[in-house]
């Protein structure tokens, strides 16, 4: 039994290193793909959709690696131990890694969305630099941007499919229009106050016509407290 434990301690150490390597690969892969995206709106949507997921997988790999690392260290101290000591080592490593993993899960599931939101706001609203004059551009308000958007773009905003930002170079008149996926956003839940309320479905209750406004009902569910909310959106006349 002692020979098996000695061999297992080395094997567990190699497994730990393998999971640490997987974590590095996941993290590096995420940043490489993000840096390959040229537009800020593209980076915005990529971060919004994938950052928490990639980082969670990376941290999960680290958690598993820590479990094997602890197990390897414990088994190394029981070189002459029997089956009981071997099982104790596995149990302790499992408990420690489970606690660490659960803490990481709670952080990424419920708190990290707020961290991402701050990062996204900085990315989205940092003044763009004009390709014509090299000076900072001005972001138009929702009331002033429609004259620069096509009818299709305006319709997509009204139906909450996409959001558009219009940046203007006041010196040269140069325009920059950026497109964002509005379905990726999580909003603050009125019940638990975490930013974990996401849209699950939507229904067109009343289609807009040339004489009447339409009505869109969007259903949300909180991934933390399972609170459900319904919000109505008025769609402009055609």
C-alpha atoms as a PDB file:
ATOM      1  CA  UNK A   1       0.000   0.000   0.000  1.00  0.00           C
ATOM      2  CA  UNK A   2       2.856   2.362   0.788  1.00  0.00           C
ATOM      3  CA  UNK A   3       4.230   1.965  -2.747  1.00  0.00           C
ATOM      4  CA  UNK A   4       0.841   2.843  -4.203  1.00  0.00           C
ATOM      5  CA  UNK A   5       0.545   5.930  -1.998  1.00  0.00           C
ATOM      6  CA  UNK A   6       4.031   7.061  -3.009  1.00  0.00           C
ATOM      7  CA  UNK A   7       3.167   6.645  -6.679  1.00  0.00           C
ATOM      8  CA  UNK A   8      -0.226   8.319  -6.244  1.00  0.00           C
ATOM      9  CA  UNK A   9       1.315  11.396  -4.594  1.00  0.00           C
ATOM     10  CA  UNK A  10       3.516  11.928  -7.663  1.00  0.00           C
ATOM     11  CA  UNK A  11       0.617  11.220 -10.027  1.00  0.00           C
ATOM     12  CA  UNK A  12      -1.659  13.687  -8.186  1.00  0.00           C
ATOM     13  CA  UNK A  13       1.080  16.323  -8.415  1.00  0.00           C
ATOM     14  CA  UNK A  14       1.275  15.908 -12.202  1.00  0.00           C
ATOM     15  CA  UNK A  15      -2.509  16.139 -12.469  1.00  0.00           C
ATOM     16  CA  UNK A  16      -2.414  19.383 -10.455  1.00  0.00           C
ATOM     17  CA  UNK A  17       0.173  20.853 -12.824  1.00  0.00           C
ATOM     18  CA  UNK A  18      -1.972  19.792 -15.789  1.00  0.00           C
ATOM     19  CA  UNK A  19      -5.033  21.637 -14.448  1.00  0.00           C
ATOM     20  CA  UNK A  20      -2.932  24.730 -13.706  1.00  0.00           C
ATOM     21  CA  UNK A  21      -1.735  24.606 -17.333  1.00  0.00           C
ATOM     22  CA  UNK A  22      -5.335  24.293 -18.559  1.00  0.00           C
ATOM     23  CA  UNK A  23      -6.248  27.384 -16.536  1.00  0.00           C
ATOM     24  CA  UNK A  24      -3.421  29.364 -18.159  1.00  0.00           C
ATOM     25  CA  UNK A  25      -4.443  28.183 -21.642  1.00  0.00           C
ATOM     26  CA  UNK A  26      -8.072  29.209 -21.072  1.00  0.00           C
ATOM     27  CA  UNK A  27      -7.087  32.659 -19.789  1.00  0.00           C
ATOM     28  CA  UNK A  28      -4.515  33.328 -22.508  1.00  0.00           C
ATOM     29  CA  UNK A  29      -6.954  32.098 -25.159  1.00  0.00           C
ATOM     30  CA  UNK A  30      -9.619  34.492 -23.933  1.00  0.00           C
ATOM     31  CA  UNK A  31      -7.321  37.534 -24.032  1.00  0.00           C
ATOM     32  CA  UNK A  32      -5.832  36.585 -27.409  1.00  0.00           C
ATOM     33  CA  UNK A  33      -9.278  36.369 -28.966  1.00  0.00           C
ATOM     34  CA  UNK A  34     -10.329  39.651 -27.364  1.00  0.00           C
ATOM     35  CA  UNK A  35      -7.232  41.479 -28.628  1.00  0.00           C
ATOM     36  CA  UNK A  36      -7.949  40.195 -32.145  1.00  0.00           C
ATOM     37  CA  UNK A  37     -11.283  42.050 -32.115  1.00  0.00           C
ATOM     38  CA  UNK A  38     -10.628  45.511 -33.501  1.00  0.00           C
ATOM     39  CA  UNK A  39     -13.826  47.447 -32.769  1.00  0.00           C
ATOM     40  CA  UNK A  40     -14.705  48.576 -29.264  1.00  0.00           C
ATOM     41  CA  UNK A  41     -18.314  47.487 -29.741  1.00  0.00           C
ATOM     42  CA  UNK A  42     -17.068  44.031 -30.745  1.00  0.00           C
ATOM     43  CA  UNK A  43     -14.889  43.876 -27.626  1.00  0.00           C
ATOM     44  CA  UNK A  44     -17.866  45.079 -25.585  1.00  0.00           C
ATOM     45  CA  UNK A  45     -20.138  42.261 -26.752  1.00  0.00           C
ATOM     46  CA  UNK A  46     -17.344  39.682 -26.422  1.00  0.00           C
ATOM     47  CA  UNK A  47     -16.546  40.684 -22.831  1.00  0.00           C
ATOM     48  CA  UNK A  48     -20.222  40.871 -21.950  1.00  0.00           C
ATOM     49  CA  UNK A  49     -20.942  37.379 -23.270  1.00  0.00           C
ATOM     50  CA  UNK A  50     -17.788  35.400 -22.506  1.00  0.00           C
ATOM     51  CA  UNK A  51     -15.569  36.942 -19.803  1.00  0.00           C
ATOM     52  CA  UNK A  52     -17.349  35.540 -16.740  1.00  0.00           C
ATOM     53  CA  UNK A  53     -17.662  32.148 -18.436  1.00  0.00           C
ATOM     54  CA  UNK A  54     -13.986  31.908 -19.407  1.00  0.00           C
ATOM     55  CA  UNK A  55     -12.744  33.147 -16.041  1.00  0.00           C
ATOM     56  CA  UNK A  56     -15.019  30.707 -14.220  1.00  0.00           C
ATOM     57  CA  UNK A  57     -13.635  27.771 -16.216  1.00  0.00           C
ATOM     58  CA  UNK A  58     -10.111  29.006 -15.554  1.00  0.00           C
ATOM     59  CA  UNK A  59     -10.717  29.321 -11.815  1.00  0.00           C
ATOM     60  CA  UNK A  60     -12.469  25.944 -11.760  1.00  0.00           C
ATOM     61  CA  UNK A  61      -9.345  24.375 -13.250  1.00  0.00           C
ATOM     62  CA  UNK A  62      -7.247  26.071 -10.578  1.00  0.00           C
ATOM     63  CA  UNK A  63      -9.628  24.776  -7.895  1.00  0.00           C
ATOM     64  CA  UNK A  64      -9.326  21.202  -9.125  1.00  0.00           C
ATOM     65  CA  UNK A  65      -5.555  21.608  -9.380  1.00  0.00           C
ATOM     66  CA  UNK A  66      -5.378  22.863  -5.801  1.00  0.00           C
ATOM     67  CA  UNK A  67      -7.336  19.818  -4.676  1.00  0.00           C
ATOM     68  CA  UNK A  68      -4.847  17.448  -6.293  1.00  0.00           C
ATOM     69  CA  UNK A  69      -1.922  19.514  -5.001  1.00  0.00           C
ATOM     70  CA  UNK A  70      -3.190  19.303  -1.431  1.00  0.00           C
ATOM     71  CA  UNK A  71      -3.883  15.603  -1.855  1.00  0.00           C
ATOM     72  CA  UNK A  72      -0.357  15.033  -3.149  1.00  0.00           C
ATOM     73  CA  UNK A  73       1.139  16.877  -0.181  1.00  0.00           C
ATOM     74  CA  UNK A  74      -0.962  14.950   2.342  1.00  0.00           C
ATOM     75  CA  UNK A  75      -0.250  11.557   0.799  1.00  0.00           C
ATOM     76  CA  UNK A  76       3.466  12.340   0.786  1.00  0.00           C
ATOM     77  CA  UNK A  77       3.343  12.648   4.592  1.00  0.00           C
ATOM     78  CA  UNK A  78       1.694   9.211   4.793  1.00  0.00           C
ATOM     79  CA  UNK A  79       4.379   7.294   2.948  1.00  0.00           C
ATOM     80  CA  UNK A  80       4.006   4.405   5.359  1.00  0.00           C
ATOM     81  CA  UNK A  81       0.278   4.844   5.884  1.00  0.00           C
ATOM     82  CA  UNK A  82      -2.510   2.489   4.999  1.00  0.00           C
ATOM     83  CA  UNK A  83      -5.875   2.729   3.291  1.00  0.00           C
ATOM     84  CA  UNK A  84      -7.350   4.860   6.086  1.00  0.00           C
ATOM     85  CA  UNK A  85      -4.684   7.554   5.776  1.00  0.00           C
ATOM     86  CA  UNK A  86      -5.062   7.469   1.996  1.00  0.00           C
ATOM     87  CA  UNK A  87      -8.829   8.067   2.218  1.00  0.00           C
ATOM     88  CA  UNK A  88      -8.343  10.808   4.810  1.00  0.00           C
ATOM     89  CA  UNK A  89      -6.012  12.613   2.408  1.00  0.00           C
ATOM     90  CA  UNK A  90      -8.576  12.420  -0.391  1.00  0.00           C
ATOM     91  CA  UNK A  91     -11.356  13.599   1.935  1.00  0.00           C
ATOM     92  CA  UNK A  92      -9.443  16.639   3.210  1.00  0.00           C
ATOM     93  CA  UNK A  93      -8.368  17.669  -0.301  1.00  0.00           C
ATOM     94  CA  UNK A  94     -11.947  17.291  -1.524  1.00  0.00           C
ATOM     95  CA  UNK A  95     -13.365  19.429   1.279  1.00  0.00           C
ATOM     96  CA  UNK A  96     -10.825  22.243   0.806  1.00  0.00           C
ATOM     97  CA  UNK A  97     -11.196  22.361  -2.979  1.00  0.00           C
ATOM     98  CA  UNK A  98     -15.024  22.222  -2.705  1.00  0.00           C
ATOM     99  CA  UNK A  99     -15.081  25.214  -0.344  1.00  0.00           C
ATOM    100  CA  UNK A 100     -12.764  27.178  -2.605  1.00  0.00           C
ATOM    101  CA  UNK A 101     -14.763  26.191  -5.687  1.00  0.00           C
ATOM    102  CA  UNK A 102     -18.100  27.170  -4.160  1.00  0.00           C
ATOM    103  CA  UNK A 103     -16.747  30.555  -3.097  1.00  0.00           C
ATOM    104  CA  UNK A 104     -15.493  31.125  -6.652  1.00  0.00           C
ATOM    105  CA  UNK A 105     -18.865  30.076  -8.080  1.00  0.00           C
ATOM    106  CA  UNK A 106     -20.779  32.522  -5.881  1.00  0.00           C
ATOM    107  CA  UNK A 107     -18.383  35.329  -6.776  1.00  0.00           C
ATOM    108  CA  UNK A 108     -18.643  34.832 -10.540  1.00  0.00           C
ATOM    109  CA  UNK A 109     -22.352  34.089 -10.530  1.00  0.00           C
ATOM    110  CA  UNK A 110     -23.604  36.957  -8.435  1.00  0.00           C
ATOM    111  CA  UNK A 111     -20.929  39.603  -7.870  1.00  0.00           C
ATOM    112  CA  UNK A 112     -18.743  39.552 -10.970  1.00  0.00           C
ATOM    113  CA  UNK A 113     -21.557  40.778 -13.307  1.00  0.00           C
ATOM    114  CA  UNK A 114     -21.311  44.143 -11.527  1.00  0.00           C
ATOM    115  CA  UNK A 115     -17.547  44.189 -12.130  1.00  0.00           C
ATOM    116  CA  UNK A 116     -18.126  43.457 -15.816  1.00  0.00           C
ATOM    117  CA  UNK A 117     -20.758  46.203 -16.030  1.00  0.00           C
ATOM    118  CA  UNK A 118     -18.262  48.810 -14.790  1.00  0.00           C
ATOM    119  CA  UNK A 119     -15.696  47.576 -17.297  1.00  0.00           C
ATOM    120  CA  UNK A 120     -18.245  47.681 -20.123  1.00  0.00           C
ATOM    121  CA  UNK A 121     -19.375  51.204 -19.266  1.00  0.00           C
ATOM    122  CA  UNK A 122     -15.780  52.414 -19.374  1.00  0.00           C
ATOM    123  CA  UNK A 123     -15.232  50.690 -22.720  1.00  0.00           C
ATOM    124  CA  UNK A 124     -18.460  51.951 -24.247  1.00  0.00           C
ATOM    125  CA  UNK A 125     -18.401  55.566 -23.079  1.00  0.00           C
ATOM    126  CA  UNK A 126     -14.701  56.412 -23.303  1.00  0.00           C
ATOM    127  CA  UNK A 127     -14.519  59.146 -25.987  1.00  0.00           C
ATOM    128  CA  UNK A 128     -13.576  57.831 -29.406  1.00  0.00           C
ATOM    129  CA  UNK A 129     -10.780  59.482 -31.366  1.00  0.00           C
ATOM    130  CA  UNK A 130     -11.711  60.823 -34.784  1.00  0.00           C
ATOM    131  CA  UNK A 131      -9.927  59.255 -37.737  1.00  0.00           C
ATOM    132  CA  UNK A 132     -10.191  62.617 -39.504  1.00  0.00           C
ATOM    133  CA  UNK A 133      -8.957  65.154 -36.941  1.00  0.00           C
ATOM    134  CA  UNK A 134      -7.385  62.948 -34.272  1.00  0.00           C
ATOM    135  CA  UNK A 135      -9.504  64.681 -31.618  1.00  0.00           C
ATOM    136  CA  UNK A 136     -12.041  63.203 -29.164  1.00  0.00           C
ATOM    137  CA  UNK A 137     -15.529  62.707 -30.586  1.00  0.00           C
ATOM    138  CA  UNK A 138     -18.865  63.523 -28.945  1.00  0.00           C
ATOM    139  CA  UNK A 139     -21.456  60.870 -28.113  1.00  0.00           C
ATOM    140  CA  UNK A 140     -24.965  61.876 -29.152  1.00  0.00           C
ATOM    141  CA  UNK A 141     -27.939  61.371 -26.872  1.00  0.00           C
ATOM    142  CA  UNK A 142     -30.828  59.063 -27.721  1.00  0.00           C
ATOM    143  CA  UNK A 143     -32.861  62.095 -28.748  1.00  0.00           C
ATOM    144  CA  UNK A 144     -30.273  63.391 -31.218  1.00  0.00           C
ATOM    145  CA  UNK A 145     -28.895  60.210 -32.762  1.00  0.00           C
ATOM    146  CA  UNK A 146     -31.904  59.150 -34.865  1.00  0.00           C
ATOM    147  CA  UNK A 147     -31.092  61.477 -37.748  1.00  0.00           C
ATOM    148  CA  UNK A 148     -27.856  59.523 -38.284  1.00  0.00           C
ATOM    149  CA  UNK A 149     -29.500  56.076 -38.123  1.00  0.00           C
ATOM    150  CA  UNK A 150     -31.338  54.193 -40.843  1.00  0.00           C
ATOM    151  CA  UNK A 151     -34.976  53.190 -40.431  1.00  0.00           C
ATOM    152  CA  UNK A 152     -33.849  49.612 -39.853  1.00  0.00           C
ATOM    153  CA  UNK A 153     -31.493  50.689 -37.057  1.00  0.00           C
ATOM    154  CA  UNK A 154     -34.193  52.741 -35.372  1.00  0.00           C
ATOM    155  CA  UNK A 155     -36.612  49.806 -35.579  1.00  0.00           C
ATOM    156  CA  UNK A 156     -34.017  47.484 -34.026  1.00  0.00           C
ATOM    157  CA  UNK A 157     -33.536  49.873 -31.119  1.00  0.00           C
ATOM    158  CA  UNK A 158     -37.280  50.220 -30.585  1.00  0.00           C
ATOM    159  CA  UNK A 159     -37.673  46.440 -30.569  1.00  0.00           C
ATOM    160  CA  UNK A 160     -34.714  46.089 -28.165  1.00  0.00           C
ATOM    161  CA  UNK A 161     -32.773  43.875 -30.563  1.00  0.00           C
ATOM    162  CA  UNK A 162     -29.695  46.098 -30.859  1.00  0.00           C
ATOM    163  CA  UNK A 163     -28.488  49.399 -29.431  1.00  0.00           C
ATOM    164  CA  UNK A 164     -26.592  51.994 -31.461  1.00  0.00           C
ATOM    165  CA  UNK A 165     -24.212  54.714 -30.322  1.00  0.00           C
ATOM    166  CA  UNK A 166     -23.443  57.625 -32.617  1.00  0.00           C
ATOM    167  CA  UNK A 167     -20.166  59.518 -32.172  1.00  0.00           C
ATOM    168  CA  UNK A 168     -19.603  62.826 -33.980  1.00  0.00           C
ATOM    169  CA  UNK A 169     -16.454  64.784 -34.742  1.00  0.00           C
ATOM    170  CA  UNK A 170     -17.716  68.372 -34.374  1.00  0.00           C
ATOM    171  CA  UNK A 171     -14.739  69.745 -36.288  1.00  0.00           C
ATOM    172  CA  UNK A 172     -14.987  67.610 -39.432  1.00  0.00           C
ATOM    173  CA  UNK A 173     -18.457  66.074 -39.185  1.00  0.00           C
ATOM    174  CA  UNK A 174     -16.964  62.574 -39.230  1.00  0.00           C
ATOM    175  CA  UNK A 175     -19.407  59.979 -37.848  1.00  0.00           C
ATOM    176  CA  UNK A 176     -18.886  56.669 -36.083  1.00  0.00           C
ATOM    177  CA  UNK A 177     -21.830  54.338 -35.445  1.00  0.00           C
ATOM    178  CA  UNK A 178     -21.335  51.409 -33.063  1.00  0.00           C
ATOM    179  CA  UNK A 179     -23.707  48.467 -32.643  1.00  0.00           C
ATOM    180  CA  UNK A 180     -24.349  46.557 -29.392  1.00  0.00           C
ATOM    181  CA  UNK A 181     -26.364  43.433 -28.645  1.00  0.00           C
ATOM    182  CA  UNK A 182     -28.993  44.462 -26.093  1.00  0.00           C
ATOM    183  CA  UNK A 183     -29.996  40.873 -25.240  1.00  0.00           C
ATOM    184  CA  UNK A 184     -26.679  40.198 -23.488  1.00  0.00           C
ATOM    185  CA  UNK A 185     -27.278  42.604 -20.622  1.00  0.00           C
ATOM    186  CA  UNK A 186     -28.161  41.605 -17.085  1.00  0.00           C
ATOM    187  CA  UNK A 187     -30.028  44.194 -15.039  1.00  0.00           C
ATOM    188  CA  UNK A 188     -30.446  44.679 -11.293  1.00  0.00           C
ATOM    189  CA  UNK A 189     -33.048  42.425  -9.685  1.00  0.00           C
ATOM    190  CA  UNK A 190     -35.581  44.343  -7.599  1.00  0.00           C
ATOM    191  CA  UNK A 191     -35.746  41.496  -5.084  1.00  0.00           C
ATOM    192  CA  UNK A 192     -32.093  40.688  -4.280  1.00  0.00           C
ATOM    193  CA  UNK A 193     -30.370  43.771  -5.785  1.00  0.00           C
ATOM    194  CA  UNK A 194     -27.792  41.659  -7.629  1.00  0.00           C
ATOM    195  CA  UNK A 195     -27.161  42.331 -11.312  1.00  0.00           C
ATOM    196  CA  UNK A 196     -28.486  38.868 -12.179  1.00  0.00           C
ATOM    197  CA  UNK A 197     -31.857  39.576 -13.847  1.00  0.00           C
ATOM    198  CA  UNK A 198     -31.778  38.437 -17.475  1.00  0.00           C
ATOM    199  CA  UNK A 199     -34.358  38.309 -20.221  1.00  0.00           C
ATOM    200  CA  UNK A 200     -35.743  34.819 -20.854  1.00  0.00           C
ATOM    201  CA  UNK A 201     -38.332  35.560 -23.525  1.00  0.00           C
ATOM    202  CA  UNK A 202     -40.389  38.292 -25.096  1.00  0.00           C
ATOM    203  CA  UNK A 203     -43.801  38.515 -26.741  1.00  0.00           C
ATOM    204  CA  UNK A 204     -45.272  41.009 -29.118  1.00  0.00           C
ATOM    205  CA  UNK A 205     -48.658  41.760 -27.527  1.00  0.00           C
ATOM    206  CA  UNK A 206     -49.618  44.370 -30.072  1.00  0.00           C
ATOM    207  CA  UNK A 207     -47.869  45.037 -33.352  1.00  0.00           C
ATOM    208  CA  UNK A 208     -47.299  48.676 -34.297  1.00  0.00           C
ATOM    209  CA  UNK A 209     -49.169  50.141 -37.243  1.00  0.00           C
ATOM    210  CA  UNK A 210     -48.997  53.435 -39.071  1.00  0.00           C
ATOM    211  CA  UNK A 211     -51.620  54.852 -36.725  1.00  0.00           C
ATOM    212  CA  UNK A 212     -51.024  53.045 -33.415  1.00  0.00           C
ATOM    213  CA  UNK A 213     -48.059  52.191 -31.220  1.00  0.00           C
ATOM    214  CA  UNK A 214     -47.134  48.572 -30.508  1.00  0.00           C
ATOM    215  CA  UNK A 215     -46.529  46.839 -27.190  1.00  0.00           C
ATOM    216  CA  UNK A 216     -43.727  44.370 -26.409  1.00  0.00           C
ATOM    217  CA  UNK A 217     -43.700  42.357 -23.167  1.00  0.00           C
ATOM    218  CA  UNK A 218     -40.317  41.094 -21.931  1.00  0.00           C
ATOM    219  CA  UNK A 219     -40.033  38.434 -19.205  1.00  0.00           C
ATOM    220  CA  UNK A 220     -37.004  38.309 -16.904  1.00  0.00           C
ATOM    221  CA  UNK A 221     -35.731  35.801 -14.361  1.00  0.00           C
ATOM    222  CA  UNK A 222     -33.083  36.265 -11.673  1.00  0.00           C
ATOM    223  CA  UNK A 223     -30.408  33.562 -11.623  1.00  0.00           C
ATOM    224  CA  UNK A 224     -29.772  34.204  -7.912  1.00  0.00           C
ATOM    225  CA  UNK A 225     -33.173  34.347  -6.206  1.00  0.00           C
ATOM    226  CA  UNK A 226     -35.351  33.103  -9.115  1.00  0.00           C
ATOM    227  CA  UNK A 227     -37.402  36.283  -8.960  1.00  0.00           C
ATOM    228  CA  UNK A 228     -39.469  36.827 -12.113  1.00  0.00           C
ATOM    229  CA  UNK A 229     -40.304  40.232 -13.529  1.00  0.00           C
ATOM    230  CA  UNK A 230     -42.216  41.479 -16.536  1.00  0.00           C
ATOM    231  CA  UNK A 231     -41.493  44.743 -18.284  1.00  0.00           C
ATOM    232  CA  UNK A 232     -43.446  46.431 -21.057  1.00  0.00           C
ATOM    233  CA  UNK A 233     -41.905  48.373 -23.910  1.00  0.00           C
ATOM    234  CA  UNK A 234     -43.837  50.670 -26.218  1.00  0.00           C
ATOM    235  CA  UNK A 235     -42.892  50.381 -29.879  1.00  0.00           C
ATOM    236  CA  UNK A 236     -43.271  53.482 -32.024  1.00  0.00           C
ATOM    237  CA  UNK A 237     -45.708  53.750 -34.891  1.00  0.00           C
ATOM    238  CA  UNK A 238     -44.530  52.541 -38.268  1.00  0.00           C
END
